[in-house]
Amino acid sequence: MKYNPVVWFEIYVEDMKRAKAFYEELVAAKLDAAKMEGMDMWIFPMDEEKSGATGALIKYEMRSPHPQGTLVYFEVPDCGERTQWAETKGMPVYVPKTDIGEHGFIAIIGDTEGNSIGLHSLV
């Protein structure tokens, strides 16, 4: 395969201001507004020289957040530190920092909108 199969993701939200603040703090980056008719959309930053995909927070009447929806993993410096951060924000931790061998660590937390999101770190 000459490409990464995932090129885009969408995280559906109910309260964009709340969700945007949560994700900007989670990934320590500013999201950019995008114009799309009928949607409130904020896009995660992307460096085209690096691997991985980007996506957006979307507020759209046809889609709503759900904890059993698609699981997106965010790269973070340390899953343990980010799960502690999530708990201080009142977010649930579904899977605490878990060793996945040579691939590092994962955790699964809830966001402000009721979605589940994955975290990945090498430490």
C-alpha atoms as a PDB file:
ATOM      1  CA  MET A   1       0.000   0.000   0.000  1.00  0.00           C
ATOM      2  CA  LYS A   2       1.450   3.354  -1.022  1.00  0.00           C
ATOM      3  CA  TYR A   3      -0.824   5.485   1.122  1.00  0.00           C
ATOM      4  CA  ASN A   4      -2.377   5.654   4.572  1.00  0.00           C
ATOM      5  CA  PRO A   5      -5.952   4.383   4.225  1.00  0.00           C
ATOM      6  CA  VAL A   6      -7.501   6.885   6.648  1.00  0.00           C
ATOM      7  CA  VAL A   7      -7.508  10.391   5.195  1.00  0.00           C
ATOM      8  CA  TRP A   8     -10.192  12.201   7.209  1.00  0.00           C
ATOM      9  CA  PHE A   9     -12.306  11.849  10.352  1.00  0.00           C
ATOM     10  CA  GLU A  10     -15.282  13.695  11.762  1.00  0.00           C
ATOM     11  CA  ILE A  11     -16.182  14.005  15.432  1.00  0.00           C
ATOM     12  CA  TYR A  12     -19.793  15.043  15.884  1.00  0.00           C
ATOM     13  CA  VAL A  13     -20.624  17.516  18.629  1.00  0.00           C
ATOM     14  CA  GLU A  14     -23.619  19.189  20.257  1.00  0.00           C
ATOM     15  CA  ASP A  15     -21.872  22.227  21.802  1.00  0.00           C
ATOM     16  CA  MET A  16     -19.099  23.439  19.482  1.00  0.00           C
ATOM     17  CA  LYS A  17     -17.642  26.032  21.856  1.00  0.00           C
ATOM     18  CA  ARG A  18     -17.288  23.443  24.625  1.00  0.00           C
ATOM     19  CA  ALA A  19     -15.959  20.723  22.293  1.00  0.00           C
ATOM     20  CA  LYS A  20     -13.492  23.056  20.569  1.00  0.00           C
ATOM     21  CA  ALA A  21     -12.020  24.147  23.917  1.00  0.00           C
ATOM     22  CA  PHE A  22     -11.720  20.509  25.057  1.00  0.00           C
ATOM     23  CA  TYR A  23      -9.937  19.289  21.904  1.00  0.00           C
ATOM     24  CA  GLU A  24      -7.654  22.321  21.607  1.00  0.00           C
ATOM     25  CA  GLU A  25      -6.462  21.651  25.155  1.00  0.00           C
ATOM     26  CA  LEU A  26      -6.239  17.882  24.582  1.00  0.00           C
ATOM     27  CA  VAL A  27      -3.968  18.147  21.530  1.00  0.00           C
ATOM     28  CA  ALA A  28      -2.352  21.494  22.470  1.00  0.00           C
ATOM     29  CA  ALA A  29      -3.193  23.048  19.101  1.00  0.00           C
ATOM     30  CA  LYS A  30      -5.646  25.562  17.648  1.00  0.00           C
ATOM     31  CA  LEU A  31      -8.396  24.357  15.328  1.00  0.00           C
ATOM     32  CA  ASP A  32      -9.280  26.348  12.204  1.00  0.00           C
ATOM     33  CA  ALA A  33     -12.799  27.327  11.175  1.00  0.00           C
ATOM     34  CA  ALA A  34     -14.043  25.975   7.856  1.00  0.00           C
ATOM     35  CA  LYS A  35     -17.053  27.068   5.832  1.00  0.00           C
ATOM     36  CA  MET A  36     -19.479  24.361   4.824  1.00  0.00           C
ATOM     37  CA  GLU A  37     -23.140  25.054   4.220  1.00  0.00           C
ATOM     38  CA  GLY A  38     -25.353  23.775   7.026  1.00  0.00           C
ATOM     39  CA  MET A  39     -22.438  22.792   9.297  1.00  0.00           C
ATOM     40  CA  ASP A  40     -20.312  24.328  12.009  1.00  0.00           C
ATOM     41  CA  MET A  41     -16.852  22.872  11.307  1.00  0.00           C
ATOM     42  CA  TRP A  42     -13.443  23.288  12.980  1.00  0.00           C
ATOM     43  CA  ILE A  43     -10.479  21.452  11.431  1.00  0.00           C
ATOM     44  CA  PHE A  44      -7.536  19.942  13.302  1.00  0.00           C
ATOM     45  CA  PRO A  45      -4.101  21.116  12.107  1.00  0.00           C
ATOM     46  CA  MET A  46      -2.106  18.875   9.766  1.00  0.00           C
ATOM     47  CA  ASP A  47       1.482  18.610   8.600  1.00  0.00           C
ATOM     48  CA  GLU A  48       1.421  16.950   5.168  1.00  0.00           C
ATOM     49  CA  GLU A  49       5.036  15.846   5.615  1.00  0.00           C
ATOM     50  CA  LYS A  50       4.074  13.589   8.539  1.00  0.00           C
ATOM     51  CA  SER A  51       2.008  10.414   8.712  1.00  0.00           C
ATOM     52  CA  GLY A  52      -1.531  10.354  10.001  1.00  0.00           C
ATOM     53  CA  ALA A  53      -4.806  11.960   9.029  1.00  0.00           C
ATOM     54  CA  THR A  54      -6.628  15.079   9.997  1.00  0.00           C
ATOM     55  CA  GLY A  55     -10.294  15.723  10.534  1.00  0.00           C
ATOM     56  CA  ALA A  56     -12.749  18.080  12.110  1.00  0.00           C
ATOM     57  CA  LEU A  57     -15.270  18.727  14.819  1.00  0.00           C
ATOM     58  CA  ILE A  58     -18.667  18.915  13.133  1.00  0.00           C
ATOM     59  CA  LYS A  59     -21.990  20.220  14.393  1.00  0.00           C
ATOM     60  CA  TYR A  60     -24.594  18.966  11.951  1.00  0.00           C
ATOM     61  CA  GLU A  61     -28.251  18.163  12.496  1.00  0.00           C
ATOM     62  CA  MET A  62     -28.013  14.833  10.629  1.00  0.00           C
ATOM     63  CA  ARG A  63     -25.323  13.382  12.936  1.00  0.00           C
ATOM     64  CA  SER A  64     -24.971  13.350  16.706  1.00  0.00           C
ATOM     65  CA  PRO A  65     -22.274  12.259  19.180  1.00  0.00           C
ATOM     66  CA  HIS A  66     -22.371   8.722  20.557  1.00  0.00           C
ATOM     67  CA  PRO A  67     -20.007   6.755  22.841  1.00  0.00           C
ATOM     68  CA  GLN A  68     -20.330   3.632  20.650  1.00  0.00           C
ATOM     69  CA  GLY A  69     -19.438   5.411  17.387  1.00  0.00           C
ATOM     70  CA  THR A  70     -16.187   5.245  15.453  1.00  0.00           C
ATOM     71  CA  LEU A  71     -13.136   5.416  17.697  1.00  0.00           C
ATOM     72  CA  VAL A  72     -10.481   7.956  16.687  1.00  0.00           C
ATOM     73  CA  TYR A  73      -7.046   7.800  18.354  1.00  0.00           C
ATOM     74  CA  PHE A  74      -5.095  10.986  19.067  1.00  0.00           C
ATOM     75  CA  GLU A  75      -1.329  10.970  19.535  1.00  0.00           C
ATOM     76  CA  VAL A  76      -0.465  12.542  22.914  1.00  0.00           C
ATOM     77  CA  PRO A  77       2.816  12.827  24.839  1.00  0.00           C
ATOM     78  CA  ASP A  78       1.659  10.490  27.650  1.00  0.00           C
ATOM     79  CA  CYS A  79      -1.665   8.616  27.880  1.00  0.00           C
ATOM     80  CA  GLY A  80      -1.452   8.482  31.672  1.00  0.00           C
ATOM     81  CA  GLU A  81      -1.074  12.235  32.010  1.00  0.00           C
ATOM     82  CA  ARG A  82      -3.921  12.884  29.539  1.00  0.00           C
ATOM     83  CA  THR A  83      -6.297  10.473  31.318  1.00  0.00           C
ATOM     84  CA  GLN A  84      -5.591  12.308  34.584  1.00  0.00           C
ATOM     85  CA  TRP A  85      -6.258  15.601  32.780  1.00  0.00           C
ATOM     86  CA  ALA A  86      -9.554  14.206  31.417  1.00  0.00           C
ATOM     87  CA  GLU A  87     -10.639  13.171  34.919  1.00  0.00           C
ATOM     88  CA  THR A  88      -9.997  16.708  36.223  1.00  0.00           C
ATOM     89  CA  LYS A  89     -12.358  17.911  33.461  1.00  0.00           C
ATOM     90  CA  GLY A  90     -15.034  15.463  34.655  1.00  0.00           C
ATOM     91  CA  MET A  91     -14.609  13.159  31.657  1.00  0.00           C
ATOM     92  CA  PRO A  92     -14.909   9.372  32.031  1.00  0.00           C
ATOM     93  CA  VAL A  93     -11.877   7.122  31.582  1.00  0.00           C
ATOM     94  CA  TYR A  94     -13.118   3.918  29.951  1.00  0.00           C
ATOM     95  CA  VAL A  95      -9.701   2.280  29.506  1.00  0.00           C
ATOM     96  CA  PRO A  96      -6.794   3.561  31.618  1.00  0.00           C
ATOM     97  CA  LYS A  97      -3.267   3.765  30.209  1.00  0.00           C
ATOM     98  CA  THR A  98      -2.606   0.286  28.833  1.00  0.00           C
ATOM     99  CA  ASP A  99       0.671  -1.159  27.560  1.00  0.00           C
ATOM    100  CA  ILE A 100       0.369  -2.467  23.990  1.00  0.00           C
ATOM    101  CA  GLY A 101       3.922  -3.752  23.770  1.00  0.00           C
ATOM    102  CA  GLU A 102       6.289  -2.418  21.135  1.00  0.00           C
ATOM    103  CA  HIS A 103       3.593  -0.018  19.878  1.00  0.00           C
ATOM    104  CA  GLY A 104       3.447   2.006  23.099  1.00  0.00           C
ATOM    105  CA  PHE A 105       0.341   2.723  25.151  1.00  0.00           C
ATOM    106  CA  ILE A 106      -3.345   3.456  24.631  1.00  0.00           C
ATOM    107  CA  ALA A 107      -6.225   4.772  26.722  1.00  0.00           C
ATOM    108  CA  ILE A 108      -9.881   5.503  25.975  1.00  0.00           C
ATOM    109  CA  ILE A 109     -11.690   8.488  27.472  1.00  0.00           C
ATOM    110  CA  GLY A 110     -14.965  10.310  26.966  1.00  0.00           C
ATOM    111  CA  ASP A 111     -15.168  13.815  25.539  1.00  0.00           C
ATOM    112  CA  THR A 112     -17.452  16.726  26.429  1.00  0.00           C
ATOM    113  CA  GLU A 113     -20.033  15.641  23.860  1.00  0.00           C
ATOM    114  CA  GLY A 114     -20.552  12.007  24.840  1.00  0.00           C
ATOM    115  CA  ASN A 115     -18.144  10.446  22.318  1.00  0.00           C
ATOM    116  CA  SER A 116     -15.411   7.951  23.194  1.00  0.00           C
ATOM    117  CA  ILE A 117     -11.929   8.824  21.916  1.00  0.00           C
ATOM    118  CA  GLY A 118      -8.684   6.918  21.971  1.00  0.00           C
ATOM    119  CA  LEU A 119      -5.294   8.185  23.075  1.00  0.00           C
ATOM    120  CA  HIS A 120      -1.928   6.788  21.959  1.00  0.00           C
ATOM    121  CA  SER A 121       1.566   7.519  23.274  1.00  0.00           C
ATOM    122  CA  LEU A 122       4.996   5.926  23.062  1.00  0.00           C
ATOM    123  CA  VAL A 123       5.632   6.456  26.804  1.00  0.00           C
END
